[in-house]
Amino acid sequence: MIELDDDRARLDVVRVHAWLASSYWSPGIDRATVEKAIAGSHCLGAYDASGQVAFARMITDHATFAWLADVWVEESVRGQGIGHRLVGWFLDHPDFQGLRRMALVTADAHGVYESLGFHTLLRPERYMERLASDFAQMLKVAP
């Protein structure tokens, strides 16, 4: 049985850091940055008898906008709907009701997010971003 819990003190930060440091979106991220991101976000862990098996976080003003980030499911438990449950938990949570926009970026999980109501940008010409130069360089060379 998988339990979802947003108690930040329960997070296995060592494990979360290892997952994110091995991801395509934040390869090599340092632990201090992960800890700072956790401190500034509403985080959610998924746990089984062995410990933490998944993670996600939402960054928000709690009024108009939220950004879903760092959704990770341990490889050994993928395919069981845990990622879907993590995102659904945020969508159903009272703190995230009434927001005008939730956003995310993904390279490989479009189907999961589409099944939860996410879609491609309606007006992509209005979307802009400002990237740190090292991150921009990483994105230019990443597949």
N, C-alpha and C. Protein backbone atom coordinates (compact mmCIF):
# COMPACT_ATOMS: atom_id res chain seq x y z
N MET A 1 0.84 -1.19 0.00
CA MET A 1 0.00 0.00 0.00
C MET A 1 0.89 1.25 0.00
N ILE A 2 0.53 2.21 -0.81
CA ILE A 2 1.28 3.46 -0.92
C ILE A 2 0.52 4.55 -0.16
N GLU A 3 1.21 5.23 0.73
CA GLU A 3 0.63 6.33 1.50
C GLU A 3 1.20 7.65 0.99
N LEU A 4 0.35 8.64 0.76
CA LEU A 4 0.79 9.99 0.40
C LEU A 4 0.77 10.85 1.65
N ASP A 5 1.82 11.67 1.80
CA ASP A 5 1.92 12.50 3.01
C ASP A 5 2.68 13.77 2.66
N ASP A 6 2.15 14.92 3.09
CA ASP A 6 2.82 16.19 2.83
C ASP A 6 3.58 16.72 4.04
N ASP A 7 3.89 15.85 4.98
CA ASP A 7 4.71 16.23 6.13
C ASP A 7 6.15 16.36 5.65
N ARG A 8 6.62 17.60 5.57
CA ARG A 8 7.97 17.88 5.06
C ARG A 8 9.05 17.17 5.89
N ALA A 9 8.81 17.01 7.19
CA ALA A 9 9.79 16.37 8.07
C ALA A 9 9.98 14.89 7.73
N ARG A 10 9.01 14.31 7.07
CA ARG A 10 9.09 12.89 6.72
C ARG A 10 9.89 12.63 5.44
N LEU A 11 10.13 13.66 4.65
CA LEU A 11 10.84 13.48 3.38
C LEU A 11 12.23 12.92 3.61
N ASP A 12 12.63 12.01 2.75
CA ASP A 12 13.98 11.47 2.75
C ASP A 12 14.78 12.36 1.79
N VAL A 13 15.34 13.45 2.32
CA VAL A 13 16.00 14.45 1.49
C VAL A 13 17.20 13.86 0.75
N VAL A 14 17.90 12.93 1.35
CA VAL A 14 19.02 12.28 0.67
C VAL A 14 18.52 11.57 -0.59
N ARG A 15 17.42 10.85 -0.46
CA ARG A 15 16.84 10.13 -1.59
C ARG A 15 16.29 11.10 -2.64
N VAL A 16 15.57 12.12 -2.20
CA VAL A 16 15.02 13.11 -3.14
C VAL A 16 16.15 13.78 -3.91
N HIS A 17 17.20 14.15 -3.22
CA HIS A 17 18.35 14.77 -3.88
C HIS A 17 18.94 13.81 -4.92
N ALA A 18 19.12 12.56 -4.58
CA ALA A 18 19.68 11.59 -5.54
C ALA A 18 18.79 11.46 -6.77
N TRP A 19 17.47 11.41 -6.56
CA TRP A 19 16.55 11.32 -7.70
C TRP A 19 16.70 12.54 -8.61
N LEU A 20 16.63 13.72 -8.02
CA LEU A 20 16.66 14.94 -8.82
C LEU A 20 18.01 15.14 -9.49
N ALA A 21 19.08 14.78 -8.81
CA ALA A 21 20.42 14.92 -9.40
C ALA A 21 20.61 13.99 -10.58
N SER A 22 19.81 12.93 -10.66
CA SER A 22 19.91 11.99 -11.78
C SER A 22 18.86 12.25 -12.86
N SER A 23 18.01 13.26 -12.67
CA SER A 23 16.93 13.53 -13.62
C SER A 23 17.44 14.30 -14.84
N TYR A 24 16.64 14.28 -15.91
CA TYR A 24 17.01 15.03 -17.11
C TYR A 24 16.83 16.53 -16.92
N TRP A 25 15.99 16.95 -15.96
CA TRP A 25 15.71 18.38 -15.80
C TRP A 25 16.61 19.07 -14.78
N SER A 26 17.29 18.33 -13.96
CA SER A 26 18.20 18.97 -12.99
C SER A 26 19.43 18.10 -12.72
N PRO A 27 20.10 17.64 -13.76
CA PRO A 27 21.24 16.74 -13.55
C PRO A 27 22.33 17.41 -12.71
N GLY A 28 22.78 16.69 -11.71
CA GLY A 28 23.86 17.21 -10.88
C GLY A 28 23.49 18.29 -9.90
N ILE A 29 22.20 18.54 -9.72
CA ILE A 29 21.77 19.60 -8.79
C ILE A 29 22.36 19.34 -7.41
N ASP A 30 22.82 20.39 -6.76
CA ASP A 30 23.44 20.19 -5.46
C ASP A 30 22.37 20.08 -4.37
N ARG A 31 22.74 19.44 -3.28
CA ARG A 31 21.79 19.17 -2.20
C ARG A 31 21.26 20.45 -1.58
N ALA A 32 22.09 21.47 -1.42
CA ALA A 32 21.63 22.72 -0.81
C ALA A 32 20.51 23.34 -1.64
N THR A 33 20.59 23.24 -2.95
CA THR A 33 19.54 23.79 -3.82
C THR A 33 18.26 22.98 -3.66
N VAL A 34 18.38 21.66 -3.57
CA VAL A 34 17.20 20.82 -3.35
C VAL A 34 16.55 21.16 -2.01
N GLU A 35 17.35 21.33 -0.98
CA GLU A 35 16.81 21.68 0.34
C GLU A 35 16.10 23.03 0.30
N LYS A 36 16.67 23.99 -0.41
CA LYS A 36 16.04 25.31 -0.53
C LYS A 36 14.73 25.21 -1.30
N ALA A 37 14.71 24.40 -2.36
CA ALA A 37 13.48 24.21 -3.15
C ALA A 37 12.40 23.55 -2.30
N ILE A 38 12.78 22.57 -1.51
CA ILE A 38 11.82 21.91 -0.62
C ILE A 38 11.26 22.91 0.39
N ALA A 39 12.12 23.73 0.95
CA ALA A 39 11.69 24.71 1.96
C ALA A 39 10.70 25.72 1.40
N GLY A 40 10.79 26.03 0.11
CA GLY A 40 9.93 27.03 -0.50
C GLY A 40 8.75 26.46 -1.26
N SER A 41 8.44 25.20 -1.05
CA SER A 41 7.38 24.53 -1.81
C SER A 41 6.47 23.73 -0.91
N HIS A 42 5.31 23.39 -1.45
CA HIS A 42 4.44 22.43 -0.79
C HIS A 42 4.83 21.07 -1.36
N CYS A 43 5.43 20.23 -0.54
CA CYS A 43 5.99 18.95 -1.00
C CYS A 43 5.11 17.79 -0.60
N LEU A 44 5.18 16.75 -1.41
CA LEU A 44 4.40 15.54 -1.17
C LEU A 44 5.27 14.33 -1.42
N GLY A 45 5.26 13.42 -0.48
CA GLY A 45 5.98 12.16 -0.63
C GLY A 45 5.01 11.00 -0.72
N ALA A 46 5.46 9.93 -1.38
CA ALA A 46 4.71 8.68 -1.41
C ALA A 46 5.59 7.63 -0.73
N TYR A 47 4.97 6.83 0.12
CA TYR A 47 5.73 5.91 0.97
C TYR A 47 5.11 4.52 0.94
N ASP A 48 5.99 3.52 0.94
CA ASP A 48 5.56 2.15 1.17
C ASP A 48 6.35 1.62 2.36
N ALA A 49 6.30 0.34 2.60
CA ALA A 49 6.96 -0.23 3.78
C ALA A 49 8.47 -0.02 3.75
N SER A 50 9.05 0.16 2.56
CA SER A 50 10.49 0.34 2.44
C SER A 50 10.93 1.78 2.65
N GLY A 51 10.00 2.72 2.64
CA GLY A 51 10.34 4.14 2.79
C GLY A 51 9.75 4.96 1.66
N GLN A 52 10.37 6.08 1.37
CA GLN A 52 9.85 6.99 0.34
C GLN A 52 10.12 6.43 -1.04
N VAL A 53 9.07 6.41 -1.88
CA VAL A 53 9.18 5.88 -3.23
C VAL A 53 8.84 6.90 -4.31
N ALA A 54 8.38 8.09 -3.92
CA ALA A 54 8.04 9.12 -4.91
C ALA A 54 8.02 10.49 -4.25
N PHE A 55 8.03 11.51 -5.10
CA PHE A 55 8.11 12.90 -4.62
C PHE A 55 7.50 13.81 -5.67
N ALA A 56 6.90 14.88 -5.21
CA ALA A 56 6.44 15.97 -6.08
C ALA A 56 6.35 17.23 -5.23
N ARG A 57 6.41 18.37 -5.91
CA ARG A 57 6.25 19.62 -5.17
C ARG A 57 5.49 20.62 -6.02
N MET A 58 4.80 21.53 -5.33
CA MET A 58 4.04 22.58 -5.97
C MET A 58 4.52 23.92 -5.42
N ILE A 59 4.81 24.84 -6.32
CA ILE A 59 5.22 26.19 -5.97
C ILE A 59 4.03 27.08 -6.32
N THR A 60 3.58 27.91 -5.38
CA THR A 60 2.34 28.65 -5.62
C THR A 60 2.23 29.91 -4.78
N ASP A 61 1.39 30.82 -5.26
CA ASP A 61 1.01 31.98 -4.45
C ASP A 61 -0.30 31.71 -3.71
N HIS A 62 -0.89 30.54 -3.92
CA HIS A 62 -2.14 30.09 -3.30
C HIS A 62 -3.34 30.95 -3.68
N ALA A 63 -3.19 31.77 -4.71
CA ALA A 63 -4.31 32.63 -5.12
C ALA A 63 -4.61 32.49 -6.61
N THR A 64 -3.57 32.56 -7.45
CA THR A 64 -3.82 32.57 -8.89
C THR A 64 -3.01 31.57 -9.69
N PHE A 65 -1.86 31.15 -9.19
CA PHE A 65 -0.93 30.38 -10.02
C PHE A 65 -0.19 29.33 -9.20
N ALA A 66 0.10 28.20 -9.84
CA ALA A 66 0.93 27.16 -9.22
C ALA A 66 1.77 26.49 -10.30
N TRP A 67 2.95 26.08 -9.91
CA TRP A 67 3.88 25.38 -10.81
C TRP A 67 4.18 24.02 -10.19
N LEU A 68 3.86 22.97 -10.92
CA LEU A 68 4.14 21.61 -10.48
C LEU A 68 5.55 21.25 -10.91
N ALA A 69 6.35 20.73 -9.99
CA ALA A 69 7.75 20.45 -10.30
C ALA A 69 8.22 19.16 -9.65
N ASP A 70 9.29 18.63 -10.22
CA ASP A 70 10.06 17.54 -9.61
C ASP A 70 9.22 16.31 -9.28
N VAL A 71 8.31 15.95 -10.16
CA VAL A 71 7.55 14.72 -9.94
C VAL A 71 8.48 13.55 -10.29
N TRP A 72 8.72 12.71 -9.28
CA TRP A 72 9.62 11.57 -9.47
C TRP A 72 9.02 10.35 -8.80
N VAL A 73 9.01 9.25 -9.52
CA VAL A 73 8.57 7.97 -8.97
C VAL A 73 9.73 6.99 -9.12
N GLU A 74 10.08 6.35 -8.02
CA GLU A 74 11.15 5.35 -8.03
C GLU A 74 10.87 4.30 -9.11
N GLU A 75 11.90 3.96 -9.85
CA GLU A 75 11.74 3.04 -10.98
C GLU A 75 11.07 1.73 -10.60
N SER A 76 11.36 1.22 -9.42
CA SER A 76 10.82 -0.08 -9.01
C SER A 76 9.31 -0.08 -8.81
N VAL A 77 8.69 1.10 -8.68
CA VAL A 77 7.24 1.17 -8.47
C VAL A 77 6.52 1.95 -9.58
N ARG A 78 7.23 2.25 -10.65
CA ARG A 78 6.58 2.95 -11.77
C ARG A 78 5.53 2.04 -12.42
N GLY A 79 4.56 2.67 -13.05
CA GLY A 79 3.51 1.93 -13.72
C GLY A 79 2.36 1.54 -12.82
N GLN A 80 2.37 2.01 -11.58
CA GLN A 80 1.31 1.69 -10.62
C GLN A 80 0.37 2.87 -10.38
N GLY A 81 0.53 3.95 -11.14
CA GLY A 81 -0.34 5.10 -10.98
C GLY A 81 0.06 6.05 -9.86
N ILE A 82 1.26 5.89 -9.33
CA ILE A 82 1.68 6.74 -8.20
C ILE A 82 1.85 8.19 -8.64
N GLY A 83 2.45 8.41 -9.81
CA GLY A 83 2.60 9.78 -10.32
C GLY A 83 1.24 10.44 -10.50
N HIS A 84 0.31 9.70 -11.04
CA HIS A 84 -1.06 10.20 -11.22
C HIS A 84 -1.67 10.57 -9.87
N ARG A 85 -1.46 9.72 -8.87
CA ARG A 85 -1.99 9.99 -7.53
C ARG A 85 -1.36 11.23 -6.91
N LEU A 86 -0.03 11.39 -7.08
CA LEU A 86 0.64 12.57 -6.54
C LEU A 86 0.04 13.85 -7.10
N VAL A 87 -0.08 13.91 -8.42
CA VAL A 87 -0.60 15.12 -9.06
C VAL A 87 -2.08 15.31 -8.68
N GLY A 88 -2.84 14.24 -8.68
CA GLY A 88 -4.25 14.34 -8.30
C GLY A 88 -4.44 14.85 -6.88
N TRP A 89 -3.52 14.46 -6.00
CA TRP A 89 -3.58 14.93 -4.61
C TRP A 89 -3.51 16.45 -4.58
N PHE A 90 -2.58 17.02 -5.33
CA PHE A 90 -2.48 18.49 -5.38
C PHE A 90 -3.74 19.09 -6.00
N LEU A 91 -4.23 18.51 -7.08
CA LEU A 91 -5.41 19.07 -7.74
C LEU A 91 -6.63 19.06 -6.84
N ASP A 92 -6.72 18.07 -5.95
CA ASP A 92 -7.86 17.96 -5.05
C ASP A 92 -7.68 18.71 -3.73
N HIS A 93 -6.48 19.12 -3.42
CA HIS A 93 -6.19 19.74 -2.13
C HIS A 93 -6.87 21.12 -2.03
N PRO A 94 -7.49 21.42 -0.89
CA PRO A 94 -8.17 22.71 -0.73
C PRO A 94 -7.29 23.93 -0.98
N ASP A 95 -6.01 23.86 -0.67
CA ASP A 95 -5.11 25.00 -0.87
C ASP A 95 -4.90 25.36 -2.34
N PHE A 96 -5.27 24.45 -3.23
CA PHE A 96 -5.02 24.69 -4.66
C PHE A 96 -6.30 24.87 -5.45
N GLN A 97 -7.41 25.03 -4.76
CA GLN A 97 -8.69 25.26 -5.43
C GLN A 97 -8.81 26.72 -5.83
N GLY A 98 -9.40 26.99 -6.97
CA GLY A 98 -9.66 28.35 -7.42
C GLY A 98 -8.49 29.02 -8.13
N LEU A 99 -7.38 28.32 -8.29
CA LEU A 99 -6.25 28.90 -9.02
C LEU A 99 -6.63 29.04 -10.50
N ARG A 100 -6.20 30.11 -11.12
CA ARG A 100 -6.49 30.31 -12.53
C ARG A 100 -5.60 29.49 -13.44
N ARG A 101 -4.39 29.20 -12.98
CA ARG A 101 -3.45 28.49 -13.85
C ARG A 101 -2.52 27.62 -13.03
N MET A 102 -2.34 26.39 -13.50
CA MET A 102 -1.29 25.50 -13.02
C MET A 102 -0.45 25.15 -14.24
N ALA A 103 0.84 25.10 -14.05
CA ALA A 103 1.73 24.83 -15.18
C ALA A 103 2.79 23.81 -14.78
N LEU A 104 3.41 23.24 -15.78
CA LEU A 104 4.50 22.30 -15.59
C LEU A 104 5.24 22.16 -16.91
N VAL A 105 6.38 21.49 -16.82
CA VAL A 105 7.15 21.15 -18.02
C VAL A 105 7.46 19.66 -17.93
N THR A 106 7.31 18.94 -19.04
CA THR A 106 7.65 17.53 -19.07
C THR A 106 8.18 17.16 -20.44
N ALA A 107 9.06 16.19 -20.46
CA ALA A 107 9.57 15.67 -21.73
C ALA A 107 8.98 14.30 -22.04
N ASP A 108 8.41 13.64 -21.04
CA ASP A 108 8.05 12.24 -21.26
C ASP A 108 6.78 11.75 -20.57
N ALA A 109 6.03 12.62 -19.94
CA ALA A 109 4.84 12.16 -19.20
C ALA A 109 3.58 12.90 -19.61
N HIS A 110 3.50 13.29 -20.86
CA HIS A 110 2.35 14.05 -21.33
C HIS A 110 1.02 13.34 -21.06
N GLY A 111 0.98 12.04 -21.28
CA GLY A 111 -0.26 11.29 -21.08
C GLY A 111 -0.76 11.34 -19.65
N VAL A 112 0.17 11.25 -18.70
CA VAL A 112 -0.22 11.33 -17.29
C VAL A 112 -0.88 12.67 -17.02
N TYR A 113 -0.25 13.74 -17.46
CA TYR A 113 -0.76 15.07 -17.16
C TYR A 113 -2.02 15.40 -17.96
N GLU A 114 -2.10 14.95 -19.21
CA GLU A 114 -3.31 15.18 -20.00
C GLU A 114 -4.52 14.50 -19.35
N SER A 115 -4.31 13.32 -18.77
CA SER A 115 -5.42 12.62 -18.13
C SER A 115 -5.93 13.35 -16.89
N LEU A 116 -5.15 14.31 -16.41
CA LEU A 116 -5.52 15.11 -15.25
C LEU A 116 -5.95 16.53 -15.63
N GLY A 117 -6.12 16.77 -16.93
CA GLY A 117 -6.64 18.06 -17.38
C GLY A 117 -5.61 19.05 -17.88
N PHE A 118 -4.34 18.73 -17.84
CA PHE A 118 -3.31 19.62 -18.38
C PHE A 118 -3.30 19.51 -19.91
N HIS A 119 -2.88 20.56 -20.57
CA HIS A 119 -2.80 20.57 -22.04
C HIS A 119 -1.66 21.48 -22.46
N THR A 120 -1.34 21.45 -23.75
CA THR A 120 -0.29 22.34 -24.25
C THR A 120 -0.76 23.78 -24.11
N LEU A 121 0.16 24.70 -24.17
CA LEU A 121 -0.14 26.11 -23.99
C LEU A 121 -1.15 26.60 -25.02
N LEU A 122 -2.17 27.32 -24.57
CA LEU A 122 -3.15 27.88 -25.50
C LEU A 122 -2.55 29.05 -26.28
N ARG A 123 -1.68 29.80 -25.65
CA ARG A 123 -1.06 30.95 -26.29
C ARG A 123 0.46 30.90 -26.08
N PRO A 124 1.13 29.99 -26.75
CA PRO A 124 2.58 29.84 -26.51
C PRO A 124 3.38 31.08 -26.87
N GLU A 125 2.84 31.91 -27.76
CA GLU A 125 3.56 33.13 -28.14
C GLU A 125 3.65 34.13 -26.99
N ARG A 126 2.86 33.94 -25.95
CA ARG A 126 2.91 34.83 -24.79
C ARG A 126 3.85 34.33 -23.70
N TYR A 127 4.25 33.10 -23.81
CA TYR A 127 5.08 32.49 -22.78
C TYR A 127 6.54 32.88 -22.99
N MET A 128 7.18 33.32 -21.95
CA MET A 128 8.60 33.66 -22.01
C MET A 128 9.26 33.09 -20.77
N GLU A 129 10.56 32.94 -20.86
CA GLU A 129 11.31 32.47 -19.71
C GLU A 129 12.68 33.12 -19.70
N ARG A 130 13.28 33.14 -18.53
CA ARG A 130 14.63 33.64 -18.36
C ARG A 130 15.41 32.56 -17.65
N LEU A 131 16.42 32.05 -18.31
CA LEU A 131 17.18 30.92 -17.78
C LEU A 131 18.56 31.36 -17.33
N ALA A 132 19.04 30.72 -16.27
CA ALA A 132 20.44 30.89 -15.88
C ALA A 132 21.30 30.39 -17.03
N SER A 133 22.41 31.02 -17.29
CA SER A 133 23.21 30.68 -18.47
C SER A 133 23.67 29.23 -18.47
N ASP A 134 24.07 28.70 -17.32
CA ASP A 134 24.51 27.30 -17.28
C ASP A 134 23.34 26.35 -17.55
N PHE A 135 22.16 26.69 -17.06
CA PHE A 135 20.98 25.86 -17.32
C PHE A 135 20.58 25.92 -18.79
N ALA A 136 20.63 27.11 -19.37
CA ALA A 136 20.33 27.26 -20.79
C ALA A 136 21.28 26.43 -21.64
N GLN A 137 22.56 26.44 -21.28
CA GLN A 137 23.54 25.65 -22.01
C GLN A 137 23.24 24.16 -21.90
N MET A 138 22.87 23.72 -20.70
CA MET A 138 22.52 22.32 -20.51
C MET A 138 21.34 21.93 -21.40
N LEU A 139 20.32 22.80 -21.47
CA LEU A 139 19.15 22.50 -22.29
C LEU A 139 19.49 22.45 -23.77
N LYS A 140 20.44 23.25 -24.20
CA LYS A 140 20.83 23.27 -25.61
C LYS A 140 21.49 21.97 -26.04
N VAL A 141 22.19 21.30 -25.13
CA VAL A 141 22.89 20.08 -25.48
C VAL A 141 22.13 18.82 -25.07
N ALA A 142 21.10 18.97 -24.27
CA ALA A 142 20.32 17.80 -23.82
C ALA A 142 19.44 17.29 -24.95
N PRO A 143 19.21 15.98 -24.97
CA PRO A 143 18.33 15.40 -26.02
C PRO A 143 16.90 15.83 -25.85
